[in-house]
PDB file of N, CA and C in Angstrom:
ATOM      1  N   MET A   1      14.323  67.470  -4.971  1.00  0.00           N
ATOM      2  CA  MET A   1      13.361  68.357  -5.676  1.00  0.00           C
ATOM      3  C   MET A   1      13.121  67.921  -7.192  1.00  0.00           C
ATOM      4  N   ALA A   2      11.978  68.055  -7.610  1.00  0.00           N
ATOM      5  CA  ALA A   2      11.605  67.745  -8.876  1.00  0.00           C
ATOM      6  C   ALA A   2      11.318  68.891  -9.885  1.00  0.00           C
ATOM      7  N   ALA A   3      11.513  68.759 -11.094  1.00  0.00           N
ATOM      8  CA  ALA A   3      11.313  69.799 -12.037  1.00  0.00           C
ATOM      9  C   ALA A   3      10.717  69.265 -13.291  1.00  0.00           C
ATOM     10  N   VAL A   4       9.809  70.089 -13.848  1.00  0.00           N
ATOM     11  CA  VAL A   4       9.244  69.704 -15.165  1.00  0.00           C
ATOM     12  C   VAL A   4       9.743  70.574 -16.216  1.00  0.00           C
ATOM     13  N   LEU A   5      10.382  69.864 -17.411  1.00  0.00           N
ATOM     14  CA  LEU A   5      10.856  70.581 -18.450  1.00  0.00           C
ATOM     15  C   LEU A   5       9.897  70.398 -19.555  1.00  0.00           C
ATOM     16  N   ARG A   6       9.467  71.447 -20.092  1.00  0.00           N
ATOM     17  CA  ARG A   6       8.663  71.542 -21.320  1.00  0.00           C
ATOM     18  C   ARG A   6       9.552  72.038 -22.509  1.00  0.00           C
ATOM     19  N   LEU A   7       9.870  71.048 -23.276  1.00  0.00           N
ATOM     20  CA  LEU A   7      10.827  71.372 -24.412  1.00  0.00           C
ATOM     21  C   LEU A   7      10.183  71.118 -25.683  1.00  0.00           C
ATOM     22  N   PRO A   8      10.168  72.039 -26.658  1.00  0.00           N
ATOM     23  CA  PRO A   8       9.441  71.741 -27.914  1.00  0.00           C
ATOM     24  C   PRO A   8      10.007  70.637 -28.707  1.00  0.00           C
ATOM     25  N   GLY A   9      11.325  70.152 -28.484  1.00  0.00           N
ATOM     26  CA  GLY A   9      11.880  69.123 -29.102  1.00  0.00           C
ATOM     27  C   GLY A   9      11.794  67.890 -28.366  1.00  0.00           C
ATOM     28  N   GLY A  10      11.134  67.934 -27.199  1.00  0.00           N
ATOM     29  CA  GLY A  10      10.989  66.709 -26.367  1.00  0.00           C
ATOM     30  C   GLY A  10      12.396  66.224 -25.923  1.00  0.00           C
ATOM     31  N   ALA A  11      12.547  64.846 -25.863  1.00  0.00           N
ATOM     32  CA  ALA A  11      13.759  64.238 -25.423  1.00  0.00           C
ATOM     33  C   ALA A  11      15.060  64.566 -26.150  1.00  0.00           C
ATOM     34  N   ARG A  12      14.813  64.865 -27.452  1.00  0.00           N
ATOM     35  CA  ARG A  12      16.007  65.338 -28.347  1.00  0.00           C
ATOM     36  C   ARG A  12      16.553  66.575 -27.562  1.00  0.00           C
ATOM     37  N   ASP A  13      15.761  67.610 -27.338  1.00  0.00           N
ATOM     38  CA  ASP A  13      16.216  68.787 -26.581  1.00  0.00           C
ATOM     39  C   ASP A  13      16.882  68.540 -25.271  1.00  0.00           C
ATOM     40  N   ALA A  14      16.251  67.662 -24.593  1.00  0.00           N
ATOM     41  CA  ALA A  14      16.797  67.273 -23.260  1.00  0.00           C
ATOM     42  C   ALA A  14      18.190  66.656 -23.336  1.00  0.00           C
ATOM     43  N   SER A  15      18.354  65.792 -24.361  1.00  0.00           N
ATOM     44  CA  SER A  15      19.692  65.174 -24.650  1.00  0.00           C
ATOM     45  C   SER A  15      20.667  66.113 -25.079  1.00  0.00           C
ATOM     46  N   GLU A  16      20.293  67.266 -25.758  1.00  0.00           N
ATOM     47  CA  GLU A  16      21.234  68.322 -26.019  1.00  0.00           C
ATOM     48  C   GLU A  16      21.689  69.016 -24.760  1.00  0.00           C
ATOM     49  N   ILE A  17      20.689  69.201 -23.812  1.00  0.00           N
ATOM     50  CA  ILE A  17      21.162  69.919 -22.590  1.00  0.00           C
ATOM     51  C   ILE A  17      22.009  69.034 -21.909  1.00  0.00           C
ATOM     52  N   VAL A  18      21.873  67.788 -21.791  1.00  0.00           N
ATOM     53  CA  VAL A  18      22.760  66.802 -21.149  1.00  0.00           C
ATOM     54  C   VAL A  18      24.243  66.977 -21.734  1.00  0.00           C
ATOM     55  N   GLU A  19      24.264  66.929 -22.971  1.00  0.00           N
ATOM     56  CA  GLU A  19      25.531  66.953 -23.807  1.00  0.00           C
ATOM     57  C   GLU A  19      26.273  68.433 -23.381  1.00  0.00           C
ATOM     58  N   ALA A  20      25.447  69.440 -23.405  1.00  0.00           N
ATOM     59  CA  ALA A  20      26.051  70.762 -23.222  1.00  0.00           C
ATOM     60  C   ALA A  20      26.544  70.845 -21.704  1.00  0.00           C
ATOM     61  N   LEU A  21      25.874  70.256 -20.623  1.00  0.00           N
ATOM     62  CA  LEU A  21      26.321  70.186 -19.383  1.00  0.00           C
ATOM     63  C   LEU A  21      27.626  69.498 -19.394  1.00  0.00           C
ATOM     64  N   LEU A  22      27.669  68.273 -20.019  1.00  0.00           N
ATOM     65  CA  LEU A  22      29.026  67.532 -19.898  1.00  0.00           C
ATOM     66  C   LEU A  22      30.174  68.230 -20.571  1.00  0.00           C
ATOM     67  N   VAL A  23      29.867  68.987 -21.649  1.00  0.00           N
ATOM     68  CA  VAL A  23      30.955  69.732 -22.321  1.00  0.00           C
ATOM     69  C   VAL A  23      31.451  70.893 -21.419  1.00  0.00           C
ATOM     70  N   ALA A  24      30.479  71.589 -20.850  1.00  0.00           N
ATOM     71  CA  ALA A  24      30.805  72.580 -19.964  1.00  0.00           C
ATOM     72  C   ALA A  24      31.554  72.145 -18.783  1.00  0.00           C
ATOM     73  N   ALA A  25      31.119  70.939 -18.129  1.00  0.00           N
ATOM     74  CA  ALA A  25      31.784  70.368 -17.061  1.00  0.00           C
ATOM     75  C   ALA A  25      33.375  70.132 -17.472  1.00  0.00           C
ATOM     76  N   GLY A  26      33.436  69.644 -18.559  1.00  0.00           N
ATOM     77  CA  GLY A  26      34.881  69.277 -19.127  1.00  0.00           C
ATOM     78  C   GLY A  26      35.753  70.443 -19.231  1.00  0.00           C
ATOM     79  N   ALA A  27      35.147  71.642 -19.473  1.00  0.00           N
ATOM     80  CA  ALA A  27      35.843  72.801 -19.679  1.00  0.00           C
ATOM     81  C   ALA A  27      36.219  73.455 -18.342  1.00  0.00           C
ATOM     82  N   ARG A  28      35.459  73.030 -17.300  1.00  0.00           N
ATOM     83  CA  ARG A  28      35.712  73.529 -15.912  1.00  0.00           C
ATOM     84  C   ARG A  28      36.354  72.667 -14.936  1.00  0.00           C
ATOM     85  N   ASP A  29      36.884  71.499 -15.467  1.00  0.00           N
ATOM     86  CA  ASP A  29      37.407  70.410 -14.681  1.00  0.00           C
ATOM     87  C   ASP A  29      38.624  71.000 -13.828  1.00  0.00           C
ATOM     88  N   THR A  30      39.507  71.858 -14.397  1.00  0.00           N
ATOM     89  CA  THR A  30      40.639  72.332 -13.635  1.00  0.00           C
ATOM     90  C   THR A  30      40.376  73.651 -12.932  1.00  0.00           C
ATOM     91  N   THR A  31      39.526  74.501 -13.538  1.00  0.00           N
ATOM     92  CA  THR A  31      39.300  75.776 -12.872  1.00  0.00           C
ATOM     93  C   THR A  31      38.245  75.808 -11.812  1.00  0.00           C
ATOM     94  N   ALA A  32      37.172  74.902 -11.895  1.00  0.00           N
ATOM     95  CA  ALA A  32      36.167  74.861 -10.948  1.00  0.00           C
ATOM     96  C   ALA A  32      35.693  73.349 -10.806  1.00  0.00           C
ATOM     97  N   PRO A  33      36.483  72.637 -10.206  1.00  0.00           N
ATOM     98  CA  PRO A  33      36.104  71.125 -10.250  1.00  0.00           C
ATOM     99  C   PRO A  33      34.817  70.823  -9.366  1.00  0.00           C
ATOM    100  N   HIS A  34      34.468  71.532  -8.440  1.00  0.00           N
ATOM    101  CA  HIS A  34      33.167  71.409  -7.695  1.00  0.00           C
ATOM    102  C   HIS A  34      32.003  71.736  -8.673  1.00  0.00           C
ATOM    103  N   LEU A  35      32.115  72.740  -9.363  1.00  0.00           N
ATOM    104  CA  LEU A  35      31.085  73.065 -10.237  1.00  0.00           C
ATOM    105  C   LEU A  35      30.913  72.009 -11.359  1.00  0.00           C
ATOM    106  N   ALA A  36      32.046  71.601 -11.850  1.00  0.00           N
ATOM    107  CA  ALA A  36      32.029  70.640 -12.961  1.00  0.00           C
ATOM    108  C   ALA A  36      31.422  69.273 -12.418  1.00  0.00           C
ATOM    109  N   ALA A  37      31.648  68.961 -11.154  1.00  0.00           N
ATOM    110  CA  ALA A  37      31.032  67.703 -10.658  1.00  0.00           C
ATOM    111  C   ALA A  37      29.617  67.913 -10.478  1.00  0.00           C
ATOM    112  N   ARG A  38      29.208  69.114 -10.110  1.00  0.00           N
ATOM    113  CA  ARG A  38      27.627  69.460 -10.010  1.00  0.00           C
ATOM    114  C   ARG A  38      27.031  69.379 -11.358  1.00  0.00           C
ATOM    115  N   TRP A  39      27.592  69.865 -12.381  1.00  0.00           N
ATOM    116  CA  TRP A  39      27.097  69.858 -13.622  1.00  0.00           C
ATOM    117  C   TRP A  39      26.993  68.443 -14.199  1.00  0.00           C
ATOM    118  N   ARG A  40      28.050  67.574 -13.877  1.00  0.00           N
ATOM    119  CA  ARG A  40      27.953  66.237 -14.235  1.00  0.00           C
ATOM    120  C   ARG A  40      26.809  65.467 -13.543  1.00  0.00           C
ATOM    121  N   ALA A  41      26.519  65.718 -12.266  1.00  0.00           N
ATOM    122  CA  ALA A  41      25.626  65.091 -11.513  1.00  0.00           C
ATOM    123  C   ALA A  41      24.267  65.424 -12.171  1.00  0.00           C
ATOM    124  N   ILE A  42      24.050  66.778 -12.554  1.00  0.00           N
ATOM    125  CA  ILE A  42      22.757  67.089 -13.147  1.00  0.00           C
ATOM    126  C   ILE A  42      22.485  66.474 -14.414  1.00  0.00           C
ATOM    127  N   ALA A  43      23.657  66.434 -15.189  1.00  0.00           N
ATOM    128  CA  ALA A  43      23.521  65.643 -16.498  1.00  0.00           C
ATOM    129  C   ALA A  43      23.197  64.257 -16.247  1.00  0.00           C
ATOM    130  N   ASP A  44      23.741  63.479 -15.306  1.00  0.00           N
ATOM    131  CA  ASP A  44      23.512  62.136 -15.027  1.00  0.00           C
ATOM    132  C   ASP A  44      21.996  61.980 -14.601  1.00  0.00           C
ATOM    133  N   ASP A  45      21.487  62.914 -13.756  1.00  0.00           N
ATOM    134  CA  ASP A  45      19.999  62.857 -13.301  1.00  0.00           C
ATOM    135  C   ASP A  45      19.091  62.994 -14.432  1.00  0.00           C
ATOM    136  N   ILE A  46      19.415  64.006 -15.452  1.00  0.00           N
ATOM    137  CA  ILE A  46      18.530  64.192 -16.546  1.00  0.00           C
ATOM    138  C   ILE A  46      18.521  62.884 -17.425  1.00  0.00           C
ATOM    139  N   GLY A  47      19.781  62.494 -17.677  1.00  0.00           N
ATOM    140  CA  GLY A  47      20.068  61.215 -18.520  1.00  0.00           C
ATOM    141  C   GLY A  47      19.318  60.008 -17.838  1.00  0.00           C
ATOM    142  N   ASP A  48      19.260  59.833 -16.514  1.00  0.00           N
ATOM    143  CA  ASP A  48      18.600  58.702 -15.980  1.00  0.00           C
ATOM    144  C   ASP A  48      17.021  58.862 -16.179  1.00  0.00           C
ATOM    145  N   ALA A  49      16.589  60.121 -16.046  1.00  0.00           N
ATOM    146  CA  ALA A  49      15.094  60.339 -16.224  1.00  0.00           C
ATOM    147  C   ALA A  49      14.707  60.047 -17.731  1.00  0.00           C
ATOM    148  N   LEU A  50      15.655  60.466 -18.528  1.00  0.00           N
ATOM    149  CA  LEU A  50      15.289  60.198 -20.002  1.00  0.00           C
ATOM    150  C   LEU A  50      15.290  58.687 -20.219  1.00  0.00           C
ATOM    151  N   ASP A  51      16.218  57.887 -19.648  1.00  0.00           N
ATOM    152  CA  ASP A  51      16.289  56.422 -19.742  1.00  0.00           C
ATOM    153  C   ASP A  51      14.814  55.790 -19.314  1.00  0.00           C
ATOM    154  N   GLN A  52      14.302  56.478 -18.465  1.00  0.00           N
ATOM    155  CA  GLN A  52      12.875  55.872 -17.851  1.00  0.00           C
ATOM    156  C   GLN A  52      11.771  56.055 -18.725  1.00  0.00           C
ATOM    157  N   LEU A  53      11.940  57.033 -19.753  1.00  0.00           N
ATOM    158  CA  LEU A  53      10.757  57.204 -20.556  1.00  0.00           C
ATOM    159  C   LEU A  53      10.530  56.158 -21.521  1.00  0.00           C
ATOM    160  N   PRO A  54       9.260  55.962 -21.964  1.00  0.00           N
ATOM    161  CA  PRO A  54       8.982  54.848 -22.871  1.00  0.00           C
ATOM    162  C   PRO A  54       9.649  55.097 -24.229  1.00  0.00           C
ATOM    163  N   VAL A  55      10.051  54.065 -24.958  1.00  0.00           N
ATOM    164  CA  VAL A  55      10.549  54.249 -26.251  1.00  0.00           C
ATOM    165  C   VAL A  55       9.451  54.528 -27.268  1.00  0.00           C
ATOM    166  N   PRO A  56       9.726  55.651 -27.986  1.00  0.00           N
ATOM    167  CA  PRO A  56       8.579  56.026 -28.971  1.00  0.00           C
ATOM    168  C   PRO A  56       8.438  55.147 -30.028  1.00  0.00           C
ATOM    169  N   LYS A  57       7.167  54.905 -30.501  1.00  0.00           N
ATOM    170  CA  LYS A  57       6.960  54.048 -31.585  1.00  0.00           C
ATOM    171  C   LYS A  57       7.232  54.839 -32.905  1.00  0.00           C
ATOM    172  N   THR A  58       7.721  54.108 -33.955  1.00  0.00           N
ATOM    173  CA  THR A  58       8.069  54.746 -35.186  1.00  0.00           C
ATOM    174  C   THR A  58       6.749  54.308 -36.095  1.00  0.00           C
ATOM    175  N   HIS A  59       6.559  54.990 -37.204  1.00  0.00           N
ATOM    176  CA  HIS A  59       5.473  54.735 -38.066  1.00  0.00           C
ATOM    177  C   HIS A  59       5.630  53.375 -38.787  1.00  0.00           C
ATOM    178  N   LEU A  60       6.704  52.834 -38.804  1.00  0.00           N
ATOM    179  CA  LEU A  60       6.928  51.596 -39.387  1.00  0.00           C
ATOM    180  C   LEU A  60       6.617  50.437 -38.567  1.00  0.00           C
ATOM    181  N   GLU A  61       6.385  50.608 -37.211  1.00  0.00           N
ATOM    182  CA  GLU A  61       6.055  49.503 -36.342  1.00  0.00           C
ATOM    183  C   GLU A  61       4.614  49.253 -36.342  1.00  0.00           C
ATOM    184  N   GLN A  62       4.175  47.837 -36.296  1.00  0.00           N
ATOM    185  CA  GLN A  62       2.813  47.470 -36.307  1.00  0.00           C
ATOM    186  C   GLN A  62       2.350  47.555 -34.902  1.00  0.00           C
ATOM    187  N   THR A  63       1.148  48.005 -34.649  1.00  0.00           N
ATOM    188  CA  THR A  63       0.659  47.953 -33.379  1.00  0.00           C
ATOM    189  C   THR A  63      -0.374  46.867 -33.164  1.00  0.00           C
TER     190      THR A  63
END
């Protein structure tokens, strides 16, 4: 299944979501290990998708 995320902060917001999922997974390692594993898998999938995005150009780069 695919999903489209429309985030005002773009990739920066998505990376914060990934970080939040990983922190939450760490908090649930002992009480809900299956849920923690699922959250880590979601974070990994989002991270992999972010890695596939083109690197944004900065204003200092020549085109």
